Amino acid sequence: MTGRPTLNQRRRDATRLEIARTAAALFAERGVEATTAEEIALASGISLRTFYRYFSVKEDAVAPLLAAGGRRWVLLFAESSAELPVREALERSAAESLTPADAAAVEAMHWTRDLLRDPRLADVWQRVHADSEERLYGVIAARCPQGADKLEIRLAAAAATTAIRVALEEWAFSDAPTEGPGSPRELGVRCMRELTAGLRLWAVVS
């Protein structure tokens, strides 16, 4: 979260995300098992060799899409006002990140729903959230005053990340819409409040 990514890194990230969208569309259409890495590469306009430079197995191809929402959430939290208590800042940023801003975001959420329903992608989903928790830990630590309890920061990152994960999983296995009752935003806020209620760190303001 320190410094802007280089132009090459942004290009690589954009390429990875485009491949992820292609893979998600193919997985939704054909299923994970019936889709090959070769087919993802062909549909993405890249060689199979290039595909394997970005991803070791076909299942990993959707990781950037699954991780995009979490990255946005952590970034929104990092950019929130330092005057807000940590708990409120996390809740606000989570609510914003779980609210689709346009038609493309709605489509991405529906892809996420399809991907979370496939048990073959469970390991990818867990790794995405483990990475998100590590990023969040660093951002929360940077926001807290010197001498803050590291265990409390770790618990905060774990609880907040779990809140988002559980909310998205509950939504994915329901028929709720992307906005309104039962939406990721509504479930995310509820889970965040319940899972973080007992943490002392939430009262800390930088």
Protein backbone atom coordinates (compact mmCIF):
# COMPACT_ATOMS: atom_id res chain seq x y z
CA MET A 1 0.00 0.00 0.00
CA THR A 2 3.04 2.26 -0.13
CA GLY A 3 3.72 3.91 -3.48
CA ARG A 4 2.01 3.63 -6.82
CA PRO A 5 2.60 0.41 -8.83
CA THR A 6 4.89 0.77 -11.83
CA LEU A 7 3.47 0.98 -15.34
CA ASN A 8 4.64 -2.57 -16.08
CA GLN A 9 3.00 -3.86 -12.91
CA ARG A 10 -0.26 -2.13 -13.80
CA ARG A 11 -0.13 -3.68 -17.27
CA ARG A 12 0.51 -7.14 -15.82
CA ASP A 13 -2.33 -6.70 -13.36
CA ALA A 14 -4.67 -5.56 -16.15
CA THR A 15 -3.70 -8.58 -18.26
CA ARG A 16 -4.26 -10.95 -15.34
CA LEU A 17 -7.67 -9.45 -14.67
CA GLU A 18 -8.68 -9.73 -18.32
CA ILE A 19 -7.66 -13.39 -18.37
CA ALA A 20 -9.62 -13.88 -15.14
CA ARG A 21 -12.76 -12.44 -16.70
CA THR A 22 -12.38 -14.72 -19.69
CA ALA A 23 -11.83 -17.75 -17.48
CA ALA A 24 -14.83 -16.87 -15.33
CA ALA A 25 -17.06 -16.60 -18.39
CA LEU A 26 -15.87 -19.97 -19.69
CA PHE A 27 -16.22 -21.61 -16.30
CA ALA A 28 -19.77 -20.27 -16.02
CA GLU A 29 -20.64 -21.51 -19.50
CA ARG A 30 -18.92 -24.91 -19.49
CA GLY A 31 -17.90 -25.62 -15.91
CA VAL A 32 -14.40 -25.74 -14.48
CA GLU A 33 -13.74 -29.39 -15.26
CA ALA A 34 -14.77 -29.10 -18.91
CA THR A 35 -12.69 -25.97 -19.54
CA THR A 36 -9.01 -26.31 -20.40
CA ALA A 37 -6.13 -23.88 -19.95
CA GLU A 38 -5.70 -23.96 -23.73
CA GLU A 39 -9.26 -22.74 -24.22
CA ILE A 40 -8.79 -19.92 -21.71
CA ALA A 41 -5.59 -18.84 -23.44
CA LEU A 42 -7.18 -18.94 -26.90
CA ALA A 43 -10.22 -16.93 -25.77
CA SER A 44 -7.91 -14.43 -24.06
CA GLY A 45 -5.83 -13.94 -27.21
CA ILE A 46 -2.60 -15.21 -25.65
CA SER A 47 -0.43 -18.28 -26.08
CA LEU A 48 -0.60 -21.19 -23.67
CA ARG A 49 2.99 -20.44 -22.68
CA THR A 50 1.99 -16.88 -21.76
CA PHE A 51 -0.97 -18.22 -19.77
CA TYR A 52 1.36 -20.35 -17.68
CA ARG A 53 3.59 -17.35 -17.01
CA TYR A 54 0.66 -15.82 -15.16
CA PHE A 55 -1.00 -18.90 -13.65
CA SER A 56 0.26 -22.35 -12.68
CA VAL A 57 -3.12 -24.09 -13.11
CA LYS A 58 -6.39 -23.16 -14.80
CA GLU A 59 -8.26 -22.76 -11.50
CA ASP A 60 -5.89 -19.98 -10.44
CA ALA A 61 -6.91 -17.94 -13.49
CA VAL A 62 -9.97 -16.58 -11.69
CA ALA A 63 -8.04 -15.48 -8.59
CA PRO A 64 -7.57 -11.85 -9.79
CA LEU A 65 -11.32 -11.50 -10.31
CA LEU A 66 -12.11 -12.96 -6.90
CA ALA A 67 -9.46 -10.74 -5.31
CA ALA A 68 -10.49 -7.48 -7.02
CA GLY A 69 -13.22 -6.63 -4.52
CA GLY A 70 -10.98 -7.27 -1.54
CA ARG A 71 -8.22 -5.11 -2.99
CA ARG A 72 -10.67 -2.28 -3.54
CA TRP A 73 -11.97 -2.63 0.02
CA VAL A 74 -8.49 -2.46 1.56
CA LEU A 75 -7.63 0.53 -0.64
CA LEU A 76 -10.81 2.35 0.38
CA PHE A 77 -9.98 1.69 4.02
CA ALA A 78 -6.41 2.93 3.55
CA GLU A 79 -7.70 6.14 1.97
CA SER A 80 -10.41 6.79 4.58
CA SER A 81 -10.17 9.68 7.02
CA ALA A 82 -7.74 9.08 9.89
CA GLU A 83 -10.29 10.76 12.15
CA LEU A 84 -12.65 7.79 11.84
CA PRO A 85 -12.37 4.96 14.38
CA VAL A 86 -10.92 1.85 12.75
CA ARG A 87 -14.17 -0.09 13.04
CA GLU A 88 -16.24 2.62 11.38
CA ALA A 89 -13.69 3.11 8.61
CA LEU A 90 -13.63 -0.62 7.84
CA GLU A 91 -17.41 -0.87 7.86
CA ARG A 92 -17.83 2.11 5.55
CA SER A 93 -15.20 0.92 3.10
CA ALA A 94 -16.64 -2.61 3.10
CA ALA A 95 -20.14 -1.29 2.40
CA GLU A 96 -18.86 0.82 -0.49
CA SER A 97 -16.79 -1.98 -2.00
CA LEU A 98 -19.74 -4.40 -1.83
CA THR A 99 -22.05 -1.98 -3.65
CA PRO A 100 -21.77 -2.39 -7.45
CA ALA A 101 -21.09 0.96 -9.07
CA ASP A 102 -22.10 0.07 -12.63
CA ALA A 103 -23.27 -2.72 -14.94
CA ALA A 104 -19.76 -4.16 -15.22
CA ALA A 105 -19.56 -4.44 -11.42
CA VAL A 106 -22.94 -6.19 -11.32
CA GLU A 107 -21.73 -8.67 -13.94
CA ALA A 108 -18.55 -9.30 -11.92
CA MET A 109 -20.64 -10.04 -8.82
CA HIS A 110 -22.74 -12.56 -10.73
CA TRP A 111 -19.53 -14.23 -11.94
CA THR A 112 -18.32 -14.29 -8.35
CA ARG A 113 -21.54 -16.01 -7.33
CA ASP A 114 -21.04 -18.73 -9.97
CA LEU A 115 -17.40 -19.20 -9.00
CA LEU A 116 -18.12 -19.51 -5.27
CA ARG A 117 -20.72 -22.18 -5.95
CA ASP A 118 -18.12 -24.42 -7.60
CA PRO A 119 -16.28 -26.57 -5.00
CA ARG A 120 -13.29 -26.93 -7.36
CA LEU A 121 -12.47 -23.28 -6.72
CA ALA A 122 -12.67 -23.43 -2.92
CA ASP A 123 -8.88 -23.52 -2.49
CA VAL A 124 -8.44 -20.47 -4.74
CA TRP A 125 -11.07 -18.59 -2.73
CA GLN A 126 -9.36 -19.39 0.57
CA ARG A 127 -5.97 -18.24 -0.75
CA VAL A 128 -7.49 -14.98 -2.00
CA HIS A 129 -8.79 -14.19 1.47
CA ALA A 130 -5.57 -15.21 3.19
CA ASP A 131 -3.73 -12.71 0.97
CA SER A 132 -6.37 -10.07 1.66
CA GLU A 133 -5.99 -10.57 5.41
CA GLU A 134 -2.23 -10.03 5.17
CA ARG A 135 -2.68 -6.78 3.22
CA LEU A 136 -5.31 -5.57 5.65
CA TYR A 137 -3.08 -6.31 8.63
CA GLY A 138 -0.40 -4.02 7.24
CA VAL A 139 -2.84 -1.19 6.55
CA ILE A 140 -4.47 -1.41 9.99
CA ALA A 141 -1.04 -1.49 11.65
CA ALA A 142 -0.01 1.65 9.76
CA ARG A 143 -3.16 3.40 10.94
CA CYS A 144 -2.70 2.58 14.62
CA PRO A 145 -0.50 4.54 17.04
CA GLN A 146 2.91 3.23 17.99
CA GLY A 147 2.72 0.53 20.63
CA ALA A 148 -0.70 -0.78 19.57
CA ASP A 149 -1.26 -4.43 20.48
CA LYS A 150 -0.10 -6.54 17.51
CA LEU A 151 -2.37 -9.40 18.51
CA GLU A 152 -5.34 -7.04 18.52
CA ILE A 153 -4.36 -5.86 15.03
CA ARG A 154 -4.10 -9.46 13.84
CA LEU A 155 -7.49 -10.29 15.32
CA ALA A 156 -8.96 -7.20 13.68
CA ALA A 157 -7.65 -8.15 10.24
CA ALA A 158 -8.83 -11.73 10.63
CA ALA A 159 -12.28 -10.78 11.89
CA ALA A 160 -12.86 -8.14 9.22
CA THR A 161 -11.69 -10.38 6.40
CA THR A 162 -13.82 -13.25 7.68
CA ALA A 163 -16.82 -10.94 7.79
CA ILE A 164 -16.48 -10.17 4.08
CA ARG A 165 -15.83 -13.81 3.17
CA VAL A 166 -18.85 -15.12 5.07
CA ALA A 167 -21.09 -12.38 3.68
CA LEU A 168 -20.13 -13.18 0.09
CA GLU A 169 -20.51 -16.92 0.62
CA GLU A 170 -23.95 -16.50 2.17
CA TRP A 171 -25.03 -14.29 -0.71
CA ALA A 172 -23.55 -16.62 -3.35
CA PHE A 173 -25.59 -19.58 -2.14
CA SER A 174 -28.80 -17.57 -2.04
CA ASP A 175 -31.00 -16.01 -4.71
CA ALA A 176 -30.68 -12.50 -3.24
CA PRO A 177 -30.02 -9.58 -5.60
CA THR A 178 -26.78 -7.61 -5.82
CA GLU A 179 -28.44 -4.69 -4.00
CA GLY A 180 -31.12 -4.42 -1.34
CA PRO A 181 -32.22 -7.08 1.19
CA GLY A 182 -29.82 -10.00 1.39
CA SER A 183 -27.25 -8.26 -0.81
CA PRO A 184 -23.48 -8.47 -0.24
CA ARG A 185 -23.54 -4.95 1.19
CA GLU A 186 -26.26 -5.71 3.73
CA LEU A 187 -24.71 -9.01 4.76
CA GLY A 188 -21.22 -7.49 4.85
CA VAL A 189 -22.23 -4.73 7.25
CA ARG A 190 -24.07 -7.18 9.50
CA CYS A 191 -21.17 -9.63 9.60
CA MET A 192 -18.65 -6.85 10.20
CA ARG A 193 -20.59 -5.48 13.17
CA GLU A 194 -21.10 -8.87 14.77
CA LEU A 195 -17.58 -10.21 14.29
CA THR A 196 -15.75 -7.05 15.39
CA ALA A 197 -17.96 -5.94 18.27
CA GLY A 198 -15.62 -7.15 21.04
CA LEU A 199 -12.32 -5.86 19.71
CA ARG A 200 -10.75 -3.03 21.72
CA LEU A 201 -8.85 -1.82 18.67
CA TRP A 202 -12.03 -0.45 17.11
CA ALA A 203 -11.94 2.47 19.53
CA VAL A 204 -8.46 3.56 18.39
CA VAL A 205 -8.17 6.69 16.27
CA SER A 206 -4.87 7.75 14.67
